[in-house]
């Protein structure tokens, strides 16, 4: 059975319960998706706390993975967060910090590469560094990379 999409989420039954649903956050909390899909959250303690605050148990069971978490969270929790002024203030603070980080003229990228707008750019990531435990990269025997935590 193919799941049907309803209100921005996939409805599933027992035969396809492993399908990750697409969250349908209210416009007031759409910034959660932007934060989740930028890996900066992995070293931003306020962003991590924002996801914990949304659903601490789900944060733990998702392996500290905000994308997975947002795909599994109950719609009513998203709606409650959209009505919570303290949560919205926290979200605004984290979103503003992310925006400032991405647009900063003092960043290494801006200082080094901003003059190369007309040339294609390639990023190289060394797999010898662990970024976060939810991003399993099996490149050697280095702690979180080998899932030895």
Protein backbone atom coordinates (compact mmCIF):
# COMPACT_ATOMS: atom_id res chain seq x y z
CA UNK A 1 0.00 0.00 0.00
CA UNK A 2 1.35 3.44 -0.89
CA UNK A 3 0.90 5.91 1.94
CA UNK A 4 -1.40 8.82 1.26
CA UNK A 5 -0.26 12.32 2.04
CA UNK A 6 -2.60 14.28 4.24
CA UNK A 7 -1.91 17.67 5.84
CA UNK A 8 1.77 17.57 4.92
CA UNK A 9 2.35 14.15 6.48
CA UNK A 10 2.31 10.58 5.28
CA UNK A 11 -0.42 8.42 6.77
CA UNK A 12 0.78 4.84 7.18
CA UNK A 13 -0.51 1.51 8.34
CA UNK A 14 1.30 -1.49 9.84
CA UNK A 15 2.66 -2.62 6.47
CA UNK A 16 4.66 0.54 5.84
CA UNK A 17 5.26 1.91 9.33
CA UNK A 18 8.95 2.57 8.61
CA UNK A 19 8.23 5.42 6.22
CA UNK A 20 9.41 8.72 7.62
CA UNK A 21 6.67 11.29 7.66
CA UNK A 22 7.14 14.83 6.52
CA UNK A 23 6.31 17.25 9.32
CA UNK A 24 3.83 19.98 8.69
CA UNK A 25 4.94 22.73 11.04
CA UNK A 26 2.88 25.85 11.42
CA UNK A 27 4.44 28.87 9.69
CA UNK A 28 5.49 30.20 13.10
CA UNK A 29 7.87 27.25 13.57
CA UNK A 30 8.97 26.59 9.98
CA UNK A 31 12.43 27.69 11.10
CA UNK A 32 12.84 24.31 12.82
CA UNK A 33 13.27 22.64 9.45
CA UNK A 34 15.87 25.21 8.35
CA UNK A 35 17.83 24.69 11.57
CA UNK A 36 17.57 20.89 11.34
CA UNK A 37 18.88 20.77 7.76
CA UNK A 38 21.96 22.90 8.55
CA UNK A 39 24.60 20.83 10.32
CA UNK A 40 25.56 23.82 12.44
CA UNK A 41 23.02 22.58 15.02
CA UNK A 42 25.54 19.83 15.95
CA UNK A 43 27.79 22.33 17.74
CA UNK A 44 25.17 24.93 18.68
CA UNK A 45 24.05 24.14 22.21
CA UNK A 46 21.01 26.42 21.96
CA UNK A 47 19.83 24.61 18.82
CA UNK A 48 20.29 21.23 20.50
CA UNK A 49 18.33 22.47 23.51
CA UNK A 50 15.58 23.72 21.17
CA UNK A 51 15.04 20.22 19.77
CA UNK A 52 15.23 18.69 23.27
CA UNK A 53 12.63 21.18 24.41
CA UNK A 54 10.30 20.23 21.57
CA UNK A 55 10.25 16.56 22.64
CA UNK A 56 13.04 15.32 24.91
CA UNK A 57 12.11 11.66 24.68
CA UNK A 58 11.93 11.72 20.88
CA UNK A 59 15.24 13.62 20.75
CA UNK A 60 16.83 10.71 22.61
CA UNK A 61 15.12 7.92 20.64
CA UNK A 62 15.97 9.59 17.33
CA UNK A 63 19.66 9.41 18.25
CA UNK A 64 19.89 13.20 18.52
CA UNK A 65 18.92 13.55 14.86
CA UNK A 66 16.69 16.61 14.31
CA UNK A 67 15.69 15.62 10.76
CA UNK A 68 14.59 12.17 11.90
CA UNK A 69 12.92 13.71 14.93
CA UNK A 70 10.90 16.17 12.86
CA UNK A 71 9.83 13.31 10.61
CA UNK A 72 8.50 11.33 13.55
CA UNK A 73 7.07 13.97 15.87
CA UNK A 74 3.36 14.07 16.56
CA UNK A 75 1.55 16.91 14.82
CA UNK A 76 -0.06 18.05 18.08
CA UNK A 77 3.40 18.68 19.59
CA UNK A 78 4.30 20.92 16.66
CA UNK A 79 1.02 22.78 17.04
CA UNK A 80 1.58 23.22 20.79
CA UNK A 81 5.09 24.57 20.14
CA UNK A 82 3.65 27.07 17.65
CA UNK A 83 1.45 28.46 20.45
CA UNK A 84 4.20 28.55 23.11
CA UNK A 85 5.64 32.08 23.35
CA UNK A 86 8.76 30.92 25.21
CA UNK A 87 9.45 28.22 22.60
CA UNK A 88 8.91 30.74 19.78
CA UNK A 89 11.37 33.17 21.41
CA UNK A 90 13.95 30.36 21.70
CA UNK A 91 13.37 29.39 18.05
CA UNK A 92 13.73 33.01 16.93
CA UNK A 93 17.01 33.35 18.84
CA UNK A 94 18.47 30.17 17.29
CA UNK A 95 17.22 31.08 13.79
CA UNK A 96 18.67 34.60 14.09
CA UNK A 97 22.03 33.21 15.20
CA UNK A 98 22.06 30.78 12.25
CA UNK A 99 21.21 33.60 9.84
CA UNK A 100 23.96 35.80 11.29
CA UNK A 101 26.42 32.92 10.96
CA UNK A 102 25.47 32.27 7.33
CA UNK A 103 25.59 35.92 6.27
CA UNK A 104 28.62 37.02 8.27
CA UNK A 105 31.28 38.85 6.32
CA UNK A 106 33.86 37.80 8.91
CA UNK A 107 33.50 34.08 8.19
CA UNK A 108 36.38 32.10 6.72
CA UNK A 109 34.33 31.31 3.62
CA UNK A 110 33.41 34.93 2.96
CA UNK A 111 36.98 36.13 3.46
CA UNK A 112 38.47 33.35 1.34
CA UNK A 113 35.95 32.63 -1.39
CA UNK A 114 33.47 35.49 -1.81
CA UNK A 115 35.41 36.90 -4.77
CA UNK A 116 35.01 33.58 -6.67
CA UNK A 117 31.27 33.84 -7.36
CA UNK A 118 31.69 32.99 -11.05
CA UNK A 119 33.66 29.77 -10.45
CA UNK A 120 32.21 26.42 -9.38
CA UNK A 121 33.15 25.47 -5.83
CA UNK A 122 33.72 22.06 -4.35
CA UNK A 123 33.76 21.28 -0.64
CA UNK A 124 35.90 18.50 0.75
CA UNK A 125 35.01 16.89 4.05
CA UNK A 126 37.51 14.59 5.69
CA UNK A 127 35.73 11.53 6.99
CA UNK A 128 38.29 11.22 9.74
CA UNK A 129 36.33 13.71 11.85
CA UNK A 130 33.11 12.89 13.63
CA UNK A 131 30.58 15.69 13.46
CA UNK A 132 27.74 14.18 15.47
CA UNK A 133 26.73 10.74 16.65
CA UNK A 134 23.60 10.69 14.46
CA UNK A 135 25.72 11.02 11.32
CA UNK A 136 27.29 7.57 11.24
CA UNK A 137 30.37 7.53 9.06
CA UNK A 138 32.38 4.33 9.16
CA UNK A 139 35.82 5.55 8.17
CA UNK A 140 37.98 4.06 10.88
CA UNK A 141 38.16 3.41 14.57
CA UNK A 142 37.58 6.91 15.89
CA UNK A 143 35.01 6.91 18.71
CA UNK A 144 31.64 8.02 17.34
CA UNK A 145 32.65 7.02 13.81
CA UNK A 146 32.86 3.40 14.92
CA UNK A 147 29.78 3.84 17.13
CA UNK A 148 31.82 3.18 20.25
CA UNK A 149 30.45 5.76 22.64
